Amino acid sequence: MFADLRLAIAGDPCPRCEHGRLEAHRGIEVGQVFYLGTKYSVAMGATYLDAEGRERPIEMGCYGIGMSRLVAAAIEQNHDANGIIWPFSVAPFQVLLLPINYKDQVDSRSH
């Protein structure tokens, strides 16, 4: 079998219609959905009754959310040149620092 293959890029024409164009956007994968079919329901005997009253194996699926991926996504979306800017809702610590008089220069050697 031979094929002329390349990566799709933004602006490529739609393969199903004449006027559609592919749009490309960045994204962050933080979870997945998996179709399991009846593999596990058959093994467990998990069934339901269809409209005709016949017993059928349940169609199954599962999802997973990666905790480390969530942290990576939060960091990618919330940082600057000095490092991570944790969103308050996921910050490992919730501390607020308030300067008393930020106009006074502090000599760190005297403290």
PDB file of N, CA and C in Angstrom:
ATOM      1  N   MET A   1       0.845  -1.166   0.000  1.00  0.00           N
ATOM      2  CA  MET A   1       0.000   0.000   0.000  1.00  0.00           C
ATOM      3  C   MET A   1       0.902   1.244   0.000  1.00  0.00           C
ATOM      4  N   PHE A   2       0.556   2.223  -0.800  1.00  0.00           N
ATOM      5  CA  PHE A   2       1.293   3.474  -0.868  1.00  0.00           C
ATOM      6  C   PHE A   2       0.345   4.614  -0.531  1.00  0.00           C
ATOM      7  N   ALA A   3       0.879   5.635   0.124  1.00  0.00           N
ATOM      8  CA  ALA A   3       0.047   6.795   0.469  1.00  0.00           C
ATOM      9  C   ALA A   3       0.926   8.033   0.523  1.00  0.00           C
ATOM     10  N   ASP A   4       0.350   9.152   0.165  1.00  0.00           N
ATOM     11  CA  ASP A   4       1.024  10.439   0.265  1.00  0.00           C
ATOM     12  C   ASP A   4       0.525  11.083   1.557  1.00  0.00           C
ATOM     13  N   LEU A   5       1.331  11.059   2.603  1.00  0.00           N
ATOM     14  CA  LEU A   5       0.908  11.517   3.929  1.00  0.00           C
ATOM     15  C   LEU A   5       1.668  12.765   4.353  1.00  0.00           C
ATOM     16  N   ARG A   6       0.995  13.607   5.122  1.00  0.00           N
ATOM     17  CA  ARG A   6       1.626  14.758   5.745  1.00  0.00           C
ATOM     18  C   ARG A   6       0.789  15.162   6.940  1.00  0.00           C
ATOM     19  N   LEU A   7       1.336  16.010   7.790  1.00  0.00           N
ATOM     20  CA  LEU A   7       0.595  16.500   8.936  1.00  0.00           C
ATOM     21  C   LEU A   7      -0.398  17.564   8.498  1.00  0.00           C
ATOM     22  N   ALA A   8      -1.588  17.523   9.068  1.00  0.00           N
ATOM     23  CA  ALA A   8      -2.581  18.559   8.785  1.00  0.00           C
ATOM     24  C   ALA A   8      -2.123  19.863   9.426  1.00  0.00           C
ATOM     25  N   ILE A   9      -2.406  20.978   8.774  1.00  0.00           N
ATOM     26  CA  ILE A   9      -2.052  22.291   9.307  1.00  0.00           C
ATOM     27  C   ILE A   9      -3.266  23.216   9.225  1.00  0.00           C
ATOM     28  N   ALA A  10      -3.235  24.266  10.038  1.00  0.00           N
ATOM     29  CA  ALA A  10      -4.324  25.233  10.036  1.00  0.00           C
ATOM     30  C   ALA A  10      -4.527  25.764   8.622  1.00  0.00           C
ATOM     31  N   GLY A  11      -5.794  25.860   8.217  1.00  0.00           N
ATOM     32  CA  GLY A  11      -6.127  26.346   6.886  1.00  0.00           C
ATOM     33  C   GLY A  11      -6.365  25.256   5.863  1.00  0.00           C
ATOM     34  N   ASP A  12      -6.005  24.007   6.197  1.00  0.00           N
ATOM     35  CA  ASP A  12      -6.265  22.905   5.266  1.00  0.00           C
ATOM     36  C   ASP A  12      -7.764  22.804   4.999  1.00  0.00           C
ATOM     37  N   PRO A  13      -8.141  22.426   3.780  1.00  0.00           N
ATOM     38  CA  PRO A  13      -9.573  22.306   3.463  1.00  0.00           C
ATOM     39  C   PRO A  13     -10.213  21.113   4.161  1.00  0.00           C
ATOM     40  N   CYS A  14     -11.502  21.232   4.412  1.00  0.00           N
ATOM     41  CA  CYS A  14     -12.278  20.152   5.013  1.00  0.00           C
ATOM     42  C   CYS A  14     -12.379  19.004   4.018  1.00  0.00           C
ATOM     43  N   PRO A  15     -12.156  17.757   4.453  1.00  0.00           N
ATOM     44  CA  PRO A  15     -12.268  16.627   3.531  1.00  0.00           C
ATOM     45  C   PRO A  15     -13.717  16.262   3.199  1.00  0.00           C
ATOM     46  N   ARG A  16     -14.697  16.855   3.899  1.00  0.00           N
ATOM     47  CA  ARG A  16     -16.106  16.496   3.685  1.00  0.00           C
ATOM     48  C   ARG A  16     -16.924  17.582   3.003  1.00  0.00           C
ATOM     49  N   CYS A  17     -16.444  18.821   3.003  1.00  0.00           N
ATOM     50  CA  CYS A  17     -17.230  19.893   2.378  1.00  0.00           C
ATOM     51  C   CYS A  17     -16.283  20.836   1.633  1.00  0.00           C
ATOM     52  N   GLU A  18     -16.827  21.735   0.861  1.00  0.00           N
ATOM     53  CA  GLU A  18     -16.000  22.615   0.035  1.00  0.00           C
ATOM     54  C   GLU A  18     -15.555  23.888   0.749  1.00  0.00           C
ATOM     55  N   HIS A  19     -16.280  24.314   1.764  1.00  0.00           N
ATOM     56  CA  HIS A  19     -15.992  25.624   2.344  1.00  0.00           C
ATOM     57  C   HIS A  19     -15.330  25.583   3.725  1.00  0.00           C
ATOM     58  N   GLY A  20     -15.287  24.448   4.388  1.00  0.00           N
ATOM     59  CA  GLY A  20     -14.700  24.362   5.722  1.00  0.00           C
ATOM     60  C   GLY A  20     -13.180  24.393   5.700  1.00  0.00           C
ATOM     61  N   ARG A  21     -12.600  24.978   6.746  1.00  0.00           N
ATOM     62  CA  ARG A  21     -11.143  25.040   6.903  1.00  0.00           C
ATOM     63  C   ARG A  21     -10.766  24.582   8.310  1.00  0.00           C
ATOM     64  N   LEU A  22      -9.653  23.873   8.415  1.00  0.00           N
ATOM     65  CA  LEU A  22      -9.158  23.396   9.699  1.00  0.00           C
ATOM     66  C   LEU A  22      -8.643  24.564  10.518  1.00  0.00           C
ATOM     67  N   GLU A  23      -9.079  24.624  11.780  1.00  0.00           N
ATOM     68  CA  GLU A  23      -8.534  25.598  12.722  1.00  0.00           C
ATOM     69  C   GLU A  23      -7.672  24.842  13.715  1.00  0.00           C
ATOM     70  N   ALA A  24      -6.546  25.409  14.085  1.00  0.00           N
ATOM     71  CA  ALA A  24      -5.648  24.778  15.051  1.00  0.00           C
ATOM     72  C   ALA A  24      -5.602  25.631  16.319  1.00  0.00           C
ATOM     73  N   HIS A  25      -5.662  24.972  17.464  1.00  0.00           N
ATOM     74  CA  HIS A  25      -5.611  25.638  18.759  1.00  0.00           C
ATOM     75  C   HIS A  25      -4.737  24.821  19.697  1.00  0.00           C
ATOM     76  N   ARG A  26      -4.056  25.498  20.596  1.00  0.00           N
ATOM     77  CA  ARG A  26      -3.267  24.796  21.604  1.00  0.00           C
ATOM     78  C   ARG A  26      -4.185  24.202  22.654  1.00  0.00           C
ATOM     79  N   GLY A  27      -3.776  23.122  23.246  1.00  0.00           N
ATOM     80  CA  GLY A  27      -4.561  22.497  24.301  1.00  0.00           C
ATOM     81  C   GLY A  27      -3.657  21.774  25.278  1.00  0.00           C
ATOM     82  N   ILE A  28      -4.206  21.450  26.420  1.00  0.00           N
ATOM     83  CA  ILE A  28      -3.477  20.710  27.445  1.00  0.00           C
ATOM     84  C   ILE A  28      -4.314  19.496  27.806  1.00  0.00           C
ATOM     85  N   GLU A  29      -3.746  18.313  27.647  1.00  0.00           N
ATOM     86  CA  GLU A  29      -4.460  17.090  28.014  1.00  0.00           C
ATOM     87  C   GLU A  29      -4.284  16.830  29.497  1.00  0.00           C
ATOM     88  N   VAL A  30      -5.387  16.818  30.229  1.00  0.00           N
ATOM     89  CA  VAL A  30      -5.320  16.535  31.664  1.00  0.00           C
ATOM     90  C   VAL A  30      -6.018  15.233  32.026  1.00  0.00           C
ATOM     91  N   GLY A  31      -6.690  14.622  31.057  1.00  0.00           N
ATOM     92  CA  GLY A  31      -7.374  13.365  31.326  1.00  0.00           C
ATOM     93  C   GLY A  31      -7.684  12.639  30.032  1.00  0.00           C
ATOM     94  N   GLN A  32      -8.156  11.406  30.180  1.00  0.00           N
ATOM     95  CA  GLN A  32      -8.482  10.601  29.021  1.00  0.00           C
ATOM     96  C   GLN A  32      -9.770   9.838  29.299  1.00  0.00           C
ATOM     97  N   VAL A  33     -10.444   9.456  28.219  1.00  0.00           N
ATOM     98  CA  VAL A  33     -11.620   8.601  28.293  1.00  0.00           C
ATOM     99  C   VAL A  33     -11.295   7.346  27.484  1.00  0.00           C
ATOM    100  N   PHE A  34     -11.580   6.198  28.061  1.00  0.00           N
ATOM    101  CA  PHE A  34     -11.287   4.931  27.389  1.00  0.00           C
ATOM    102  C   PHE A  34     -12.572   4.139  27.199  1.00  0.00           C
ATOM    103  N   TYR A  35     -12.792   3.638  26.007  1.00  0.00           N
ATOM    104  CA  TYR A  35     -13.914   2.739  25.734  1.00  0.00           C
ATOM    105  C   TYR A  35     -13.455   1.321  26.031  1.00  0.00           C
ATOM    106  N   LEU A  36     -14.158   0.647  26.908  1.00  0.00           N
ATOM    107  CA  LEU A  36     -13.788  -0.713  27.287  1.00  0.00           C
ATOM    108  C   LEU A  36     -14.671  -1.773  26.643  1.00  0.00           C
ATOM    109  N   GLY A  37     -15.790  -1.352  26.069  1.00  0.00           N
ATOM    110  CA  GLY A  37     -16.700  -2.321  25.459  1.00  0.00           C
ATOM    111  C   GLY A  37     -17.316  -3.251  26.491  1.00  0.00           C
ATOM    112  N   THR A  38     -17.368  -4.533  26.180  1.00  0.00           N
ATOM    113  CA  THR A  38     -17.983  -5.505  27.090  1.00  0.00           C
ATOM    114  C   THR A  38     -16.946  -6.440  27.719  1.00  0.00           C
ATOM    115  N   LYS A  39     -15.674  -6.152  27.524  1.00  0.00           N
ATOM    116  CA  LYS A  39     -14.612  -7.037  28.017  1.00  0.00           C
ATOM    117  C   LYS A  39     -14.771  -7.359  29.505  1.00  0.00           C
ATOM    118  N   TYR A  40     -14.951  -6.344  30.337  1.00  0.00           N
ATOM    119  CA  TYR A  40     -15.020  -6.564  31.777  1.00  0.00           C
ATOM    120  C   TYR A  40     -16.426  -6.926  32.241  1.00  0.00           C
ATOM    121  N   SER A  41     -17.454  -6.372  31.589  1.00  0.00           N
ATOM    122  CA  SER A  41     -18.822  -6.707  32.006  1.00  0.00           C
ATOM    123  C   SER A  41     -19.135  -8.179  31.740  1.00  0.00           C
ATOM    124  N   VAL A  42     -18.635  -8.734  30.647  1.00  0.00           N
ATOM    125  CA  VAL A  42     -18.829 -10.163  30.370  1.00  0.00           C
ATOM    126  C   VAL A  42     -18.122 -10.986  31.452  1.00  0.00           C
ATOM    127  N   ALA A  43     -16.901 -10.607  31.786  1.00  0.00           N
ATOM    128  CA  ALA A  43     -16.139 -11.341  32.802  1.00  0.00           C
ATOM    129  C   ALA A  43     -16.810 -11.262  34.176  1.00  0.00           C
ATOM    130  N   MET A  44     -17.471 -10.140  34.480  1.00  0.00           N
ATOM    131  CA  MET A  44     -18.115  -9.964  35.788  1.00  0.00           C
ATOM    132  C   MET A  44     -19.582 -10.384  35.786  1.00  0.00           C
ATOM    133  N   GLY A  45     -20.125 -10.642  34.617  1.00  0.00           N
ATOM    134  CA  GLY A  45     -21.541 -10.982  34.532  1.00  0.00           C
ATOM    135  C   GLY A  45     -22.443  -9.774  34.750  1.00  0.00           C
ATOM    136  N   ALA A  46     -21.947  -8.585  34.422  1.00  0.00           N
ATOM    137  CA  ALA A  46     -22.726  -7.352  34.573  1.00  0.00           C
ATOM    138  C   ALA A  46     -23.587  -7.159  33.329  1.00  0.00           C
ATOM    139  N   THR A  47     -24.907  -7.203  33.510  1.00  0.00           N
ATOM    140  CA  THR A  47     -25.822  -7.149  32.373  1.00  0.00           C
ATOM    141  C   THR A  47     -26.965  -6.178  32.632  1.00  0.00           C
ATOM    142  N   TYR A  48     -27.733  -5.927  31.582  1.00  0.00           N
ATOM    143  CA  TYR A  48     -28.968  -5.156  31.666  1.00  0.00           C
ATOM    144  C   TYR A  48     -29.989  -5.833  30.763  1.00  0.00           C
ATOM    145  N   LEU A  49     -31.248  -5.454  30.920  1.00  0.00           N
ATOM    146  CA  LEU A  49     -32.292  -5.990  30.049  1.00  0.00           C
ATOM    147  C   LEU A  49     -32.606  -4.959  28.981  1.00  0.00           C
ATOM    148  N   ASP A  50     -32.559  -5.375  27.708  1.00  0.00           N
ATOM    149  CA  ASP A  50     -32.857  -4.450  26.616  1.00  0.00           C
ATOM    150  C   ASP A  50     -34.371  -4.264  26.469  1.00  0.00           C
ATOM    151  N   ALA A  51     -34.811  -3.511  25.468  1.00  0.00           N
ATOM    152  CA  ALA A  51     -36.229  -3.194  25.270  1.00  0.00           C
ATOM    153  C   ALA A  51     -37.080  -4.442  25.073  1.00  0.00           C
ATOM    154  N   GLU A  52     -36.477  -5.513  24.560  1.00  0.00           N
ATOM    155  CA  GLU A  52     -37.213  -6.769  24.344  1.00  0.00           C
ATOM    156  C   GLU A  52     -37.111  -7.706  25.536  1.00  0.00           C
ATOM    157  N   GLY A  53     -36.456  -7.254  26.605  1.00  0.00           N
ATOM    158  CA  GLY A  53     -36.325  -8.081  27.798  1.00  0.00           C
ATOM    159  C   GLY A  53     -35.178  -9.066  27.752  1.00  0.00           C
ATOM    160  N   ARG A  54     -34.295  -8.930  26.763  1.00  0.00           N
ATOM    161  CA  ARG A  54     -33.135  -9.828  26.665  1.00  0.00           C
ATOM    162  C   ARG A  54     -31.981  -9.279  27.504  1.00  0.00           C
ATOM    163  N   GLU A  55     -31.259 -10.193  28.108  1.00  0.00           N
ATOM    164  CA  GLU A  55     -30.098  -9.816  28.914  1.00  0.00           C
ATOM    165  C   GLU A  55     -28.920  -9.513  27.997  1.00  0.00           C
ATOM    166  N   ARG A  56     -28.297  -8.366  28.202  1.00  0.00           N
ATOM    167  CA  ARG A  56     -27.156  -7.927  27.386  1.00  0.00           C
ATOM    168  C   ARG A  56     -26.015  -7.486  28.311  1.00  0.00           C
ATOM    169  N   PRO A  57     -24.757  -7.684  27.871  1.00  0.00           N
ATOM    170  CA  PRO A  57     -23.637  -7.179  28.679  1.00  0.00           C
ATOM    171  C   PRO A  57     -23.578  -5.643  28.592  1.00  0.00           C
ATOM    172  N   ILE A  58     -23.220  -5.036  29.693  1.00  0.00           N
ATOM    173  CA  ILE A  58     -23.118  -3.574  29.763  1.00  0.00           C
ATOM    174  C   ILE A  58     -21.925  -3.099  28.944  1.00  0.00           C
ATOM    175  N   GLU A  59     -22.110  -2.043  28.165  1.00  0.00           N
ATOM    176  CA  GLU A  59     -21.006  -1.375  27.459  1.00  0.00           C
ATOM    177  C   GLU A  59     -20.321  -0.478  28.483  1.00  0.00           C
ATOM    178  N   MET A  60     -19.025  -0.618  28.612  1.00  0.00           N
ATOM    179  CA  MET A  60     -18.320   0.115  29.665  1.00  0.00           C
ATOM    180  C   MET A  60     -17.283   1.079  29.103  1.00  0.00           C
ATOM    181  N   GLY A  61     -16.921   2.005  29.929  1.00  0.00           N
ATOM    182  CA  GLY A  61     -15.855   2.945  29.642  1.00  0.00           C
ATOM    183  C   GLY A  61     -15.314   3.461  30.964  1.00  0.00           C
ATOM    184  N   CYS A  62     -14.232   4.166  30.916  1.00  0.00           N
ATOM    185  CA  CYS A  62     -13.672   4.752  32.127  1.00  0.00           C
ATOM    186  C   CYS A  62     -12.944   6.035  31.750  1.00  0.00           C
ATOM    187  N   TYR A  63     -12.649   6.808  32.745  1.00  0.00           N
ATOM    188  CA  TYR A  63     -11.890   8.034  32.504  1.00  0.00           C
ATOM    189  C   TYR A  63     -10.817   8.160  33.573  1.00  0.00           C
ATOM    190  N   GLY A  64      -9.813   8.891  33.252  1.00  0.00           N
ATOM    191  CA  GLY A  64      -8.740   9.128  34.198  1.00  0.00           C
ATOM    192  C   GLY A  64      -8.299  10.576  34.132  1.00  0.00           C
ATOM    193  N   ILE A  65      -8.116  11.159  35.293  1.00  0.00           N
ATOM    194  CA  ILE A  65      -7.607  12.527  35.377  1.00  0.00           C
ATOM    195  C   ILE A  65      -6.247  12.449  36.053  1.00  0.00           C
ATOM    196  N   GLY A  66      -5.227  12.917  35.383  1.00  0.00           N
ATOM    197  CA  GLY A  66      -3.870  12.842  35.913  1.00  0.00           C
ATOM    198  C   GLY A  66      -3.569  14.015  36.832  1.00  0.00           C
ATOM    199  N   MET A  67      -3.315  13.717  38.107  1.00  0.00           N
ATOM    200  CA  MET A  67      -3.037  14.788  39.070  1.00  0.00           C
ATOM    201  C   MET A  67      -1.786  15.575  38.676  1.00  0.00           C
ATOM    202  N   SER A  68      -0.749  14.879  38.226  1.00  0.00           N
ATOM    203  CA  SER A  68       0.466  15.593  37.835  1.00  0.00           C
ATOM    204  C   SER A  68       0.216  16.428  36.579  1.00  0.00           C
ATOM    205  N   ARG A  69      -0.680  15.972  35.713  1.00  0.00           N
ATOM    206  CA  ARG A  69      -1.026  16.761  34.520  1.00  0.00           C
ATOM    207  C   ARG A  69      -1.799  18.012  34.905  1.00  0.00           C
ATOM    208  N   LEU A  70      -2.666  17.903  35.924  1.00  0.00           N
ATOM    209  CA  LEU A  70      -3.407  19.080  36.388  1.00  0.00           C
ATOM    210  C   LEU A  70      -2.451  20.133  36.942  1.00  0.00           C
ATOM    211  N   VAL A  71      -1.466  19.685  37.712  1.00  0.00           N
ATOM    212  CA  VAL A  71      -0.474  20.608  38.259  1.00  0.00           C
ATOM    213  C   VAL A  71       0.322  21.254  37.130  1.00  0.00           C
ATOM    214  N   ALA A  72       0.751  20.463  36.157  1.00  0.00           N
ATOM    215  CA  ALA A  72       1.504  20.997  35.015  1.00  0.00           C
ATOM    216  C   ALA A  72       0.669  22.006  34.233  1.00  0.00           C
ATOM    217  N   ALA A  73      -0.615  21.725  34.059  1.00  0.00           N
ATOM    218  CA  ALA A  73      -1.498  22.645  33.341  1.00  0.00           C
ATOM    219  C   ALA A  73      -1.668  23.950  34.115  1.00  0.00           C
ATOM    220  N   ALA A  74      -1.817  23.862  35.426  1.00  0.00           N
ATOM    221  CA  ALA A  74      -1.947  25.070  36.255  1.00  0.00           C
ATOM    222  C   ALA A  74      -0.687  25.920  36.153  1.00  0.00           C
ATOM    223  N   ILE A  75       0.471  25.280  36.171  1.00  0.00           N
ATOM    224  CA  ILE A  75       1.731  26.018  36.076  1.00  0.00           C
ATOM    225  C   ILE A  75       1.897  26.637  34.692  1.00  0.00           C
ATOM    226  N   GLU A  76       1.559  25.881  33.647  1.00  0.00           N
ATOM    227  CA  GLU A  76       1.702  26.403  32.286  1.00  0.00           C
ATOM    228  C   GLU A  76       0.824  27.630  32.064  1.00  0.00           C
ATOM    229  N   GLN A  77      -0.335  27.648  32.693  1.00  0.00           N
ATOM    230  CA  GLN A  77      -1.261  28.764  32.510  1.00  0.00           C
ATOM    231  C   GLN A  77      -1.006  29.920  33.471  1.00  0.00           C
ATOM    232  N   ASN A  78      -0.222  29.699  34.541  1.00  0.00           N
ATOM    233  CA  ASN A  78      -0.062  30.703  35.592  1.00  0.00           C
ATOM    234  C   ASN A  78       1.394  30.819  36.030  1.00  0.00           C
ATOM    235  N   HIS A  79       2.179  31.516  35.248  1.00  0.00           N
ATOM    236  CA  HIS A  79       3.583  31.719  35.600  1.00  0.00           C
ATOM    237  C   HIS A  79       4.072  33.023  34.975  1.00  0.00           C
ATOM    238  N   ASP A  80       5.221  33.456  35.464  1.00  0.00           N
ATOM    239  CA  ASP A  80       5.890  34.601  34.852  1.00  0.00           C
ATOM    240  C   ASP A  80       7.387  34.343  34.877  1.00  0.00           C
ATOM    241  N   ALA A  81       8.187  35.351  34.618  1.00  0.00           N
ATOM    242  CA  ALA A  81       9.640  35.181  34.553  1.00  0.00           C
ATOM    243  C   ALA A  81      10.238  34.756  35.895  1.00  0.00           C
ATOM    244  N   ASN A  82       9.531  35.015  36.994  1.00  0.00           N
ATOM    245  CA  ASN A  82      10.034  34.655  38.319  1.00  0.00           C
ATOM    246  C   ASN A  82       9.585  33.282  38.790  1.00  0.00           C
ATOM    247  N   GLY A  83       8.702  32.646  38.049  1.00  0.00           N
ATOM    248  CA  GLY A  83       8.273  31.302  38.432  1.00  0.00           C
ATOM    249  C   GLY A  83       6.767  31.132  38.464  1.00  0.00           C
ATOM    250  N   ILE A  84       6.323  30.198  39.304  1.00  0.00           N
ATOM    251  CA  ILE A  84       4.911  29.814  39.372  1.00  0.00           C
ATOM    252  C   ILE A  84       4.094  30.868  40.102  1.00  0.00           C
ATOM    253  N   ILE A  85       2.910  31.155  39.559  1.00  0.00           N
ATOM    254  CA  ILE A  85       1.920  31.983  40.242  1.00  0.00           C
ATOM    255  C   ILE A  85       0.731  31.065  40.495  1.00  0.00           C
ATOM    256  N   TRP A  86       0.700  30.457  41.680  1.00  0.00           N
ATOM    257  CA  TRP A  86      -0.330  29.466  41.976  1.00  0.00           C
ATOM    258  C   TRP A  86      -1.705  30.101  42.065  1.00  0.00           C
ATOM    259  N   PRO A  87      -2.691  29.554  41.339  1.00  0.00           N
ATOM    260  CA  PRO A  87      -4.067  29.994  41.559  1.00  0.00           C
ATOM    261  C   PRO A  87      -4.446  29.663  43.009  1.00  0.00           C
ATOM    262  N   PHE A  88      -5.147  30.563  43.674  1.00  0.00           N
ATOM    263  CA  PHE A  88      -5.472  30.385  45.092  1.00  0.00           C
ATOM    264  C   PHE A  88      -6.163  29.046  45.347  1.00  0.00           C
ATOM    265  N   SER A  89      -7.009  28.597  44.417  1.00  0.00           N
ATOM    266  CA  SER A  89      -7.786  27.369  44.614  1.00  0.00           C
ATOM    267  C   SER A  89      -6.934  26.102  44.625  1.00  0.00           C
ATOM    268  N   VAL A  90      -5.721  26.126  44.052  1.00  0.00           N
ATOM    269  CA  VAL A  90      -4.871  24.934  44.024  1.00  0.00           C
ATOM    270  C   VAL A  90      -3.499  25.168  44.651  1.00  0.00           C
ATOM    271  N   ALA A  91      -3.319  26.308  45.283  1.00  0.00           N
ATOM    272  CA  ALA A  91      -2.022  26.624  45.882  1.00  0.00           C
ATOM    273  C   ALA A  91      -1.701  25.636  47.007  1.00  0.00           C
ATOM    274  N   PRO A  92      -0.441  25.172  47.076  1.00  0.00           N
ATOM    275  CA  PRO A  92      -0.071  24.241  48.140  1.00  0.00           C
ATOM    276  C   PRO A  92      -0.154  24.897  49.520  1.00  0.00           C
ATOM    277  N   PHE A  93       0.011  26.212  49.582  1.00  0.00           N
ATOM    278  CA  PHE A  93      -0.124  26.977  50.818  1.00  0.00           C
ATOM    279  C   PHE A  93      -0.924  28.223  50.497  1.00  0.00           C
ATOM    280  N   GLN A  94      -1.710  28.673  51.457  1.00  0.00           N
ATOM    281  CA  GLN A  94      -2.474  29.895  51.256  1.00  0.00           C
ATOM    282  C   GLN A  94      -1.949  30.938  52.242  1.00  0.00           C
ATOM    283  N   VAL A  95      -1.057  31.759  51.732  1.00  0.00           N
ATOM    284  CA  VAL A  95      -0.399  32.785  52.533  1.00  0.00           C
ATOM    285  C   VAL A  95      -0.514  34.110  51.802  1.00  0.00           C
ATOM    286  N   LEU A  96      -0.846  35.130  52.534  1.00  0.00           N
ATOM    287  CA  LEU A  96      -0.865  36.472  51.969  1.00  0.00           C
ATOM    288  C   LEU A  96       0.211  37.290  52.651  1.00  0.00           C
ATOM    289  N   LEU A  97       1.093  37.910  51.876  1.00  0.00           N
ATOM    290  CA  LEU A  97       2.135  38.782  52.407  1.00  0.00           C
ATOM    291  C   LEU A  97       1.736  40.218  52.140  1.00  0.00           C
ATOM    292  N   LEU A  98       1.686  41.012  53.183  1.00  0.00           N
ATOM    293  CA  LEU A  98       1.298  42.406  53.038  1.00  0.00           C
ATOM    294  C   LEU A  98       2.453  43.290  53.474  1.00  0.00           C
ATOM    295  N   PRO A  99       2.967  44.127  52.603  1.00  0.00           N
ATOM    296  CA  PRO A  99       4.051  45.039  53.003  1.00  0.00           C
ATOM    297  C   PRO A  99       3.494  46.119  53.930  1.00  0.00           C
ATOM    298  N   ILE A 100       4.268  46.443  54.968  1.00  0.00           N
ATOM    299  CA  ILE A 100       3.829  47.482  55.904  1.00  0.00           C
ATOM    300  C   ILE A 100       4.112  48.860  55.317  1.00  0.00           C
ATOM    301  N   ASN A 101       5.329  49.047  54.847  1.00  0.00           N
ATOM    302  CA  ASN A 101       5.678  50.313  54.201  1.00  0.00           C
ATOM    303  C   ASN A 101       6.637  49.977  53.077  1.00  0.00           C
ATOM    304  N   TYR A 102       6.107  49.713  51.911  1.00  0.00           N
ATOM    305  CA  TYR A 102       6.937  49.258  50.805  1.00  0.00           C
ATOM    306  C   TYR A 102       7.826  50.345  50.228  1.00  0.00           C
ATOM    307  N   LYS A 103       7.649  51.604  50.647  1.00  0.00           N
ATOM    308  CA  LYS A 103       8.501  52.681  50.141  1.00  0.00           C
ATOM    309  C   LYS A 103       9.837  52.744  50.878  1.00  0.00           C
ATOM    310  N   ASP A 104       9.880  52.230  52.111  1.00  0.00           N
ATOM    311  CA  ASP A 104      11.127  52.220  52.873  1.00  0.00           C
ATOM    312  C   ASP A 104      12.022  51.104  52.369  1.00  0.00           C
ATOM    313  N   GLN A 105      13.284  51.437  52.087  1.00  0.00           N
ATOM    314  CA  GLN A 105      14.228  50.417  51.657  1.00  0.00           C
ATOM    315  C   GLN A 105      14.739  49.694  52.887  1.00  0.00           C
ATOM    316  N   VAL A 106      14.762  48.371  52.857  1.00  0.00           N
ATOM    317  CA  VAL A 106      15.192  47.565  53.982  1.00  0.00           C
ATOM    318  C   VAL A 106      16.591  47.051  53.696  1.00  0.00           C
ATOM    319  N   ASP A 107      17.485  47.219  54.662  1.00  0.00           N
ATOM    320  CA  ASP A 107      18.838  46.692  54.549  1.00  0.00           C
ATOM    321  C   ASP A 107      18.799  45.275  55.132  1.00  0.00           C
ATOM    322  N   SER A 108      18.923  44.256  54.261  1.00  0.00           N
ATOM    323  CA  SER A 108      18.809  42.880  54.707  1.00  0.00           C
ATOM    324  C   SER A 108      19.925  42.477  55.658  1.00  0.00           C
ATOM    325  N   ARG A 109      21.040  43.217  55.687  1.00  0.00           N
ATOM    326  CA  ARG A 109      22.152  42.881  56.592  1.00  0.00           C
ATOM    327  C   ARG A 109      21.828  43.241  58.033  1.00  0.00           C
ATOM    328  N   SER A 110      20.871  44.126  58.256  1.00  0.00           N
ATOM    329  CA  SER A 110      20.579  44.552  59.614  1.00  0.00           C
ATOM    330  C   SER A 110      19.548  43.641  60.294  1.00  0.00           C
ATOM    331  N   HIS A 111      19.032  42.630  59.579  1.00  0.00           N
ATOM    332  CA  HIS A 111      17.990  41.776  60.164  1.00  0.00           C
ATOM    333  C   HIS A 111      18.507  40.398  60.402  1.00  0.00           C
TER     334      HIS A 111
END
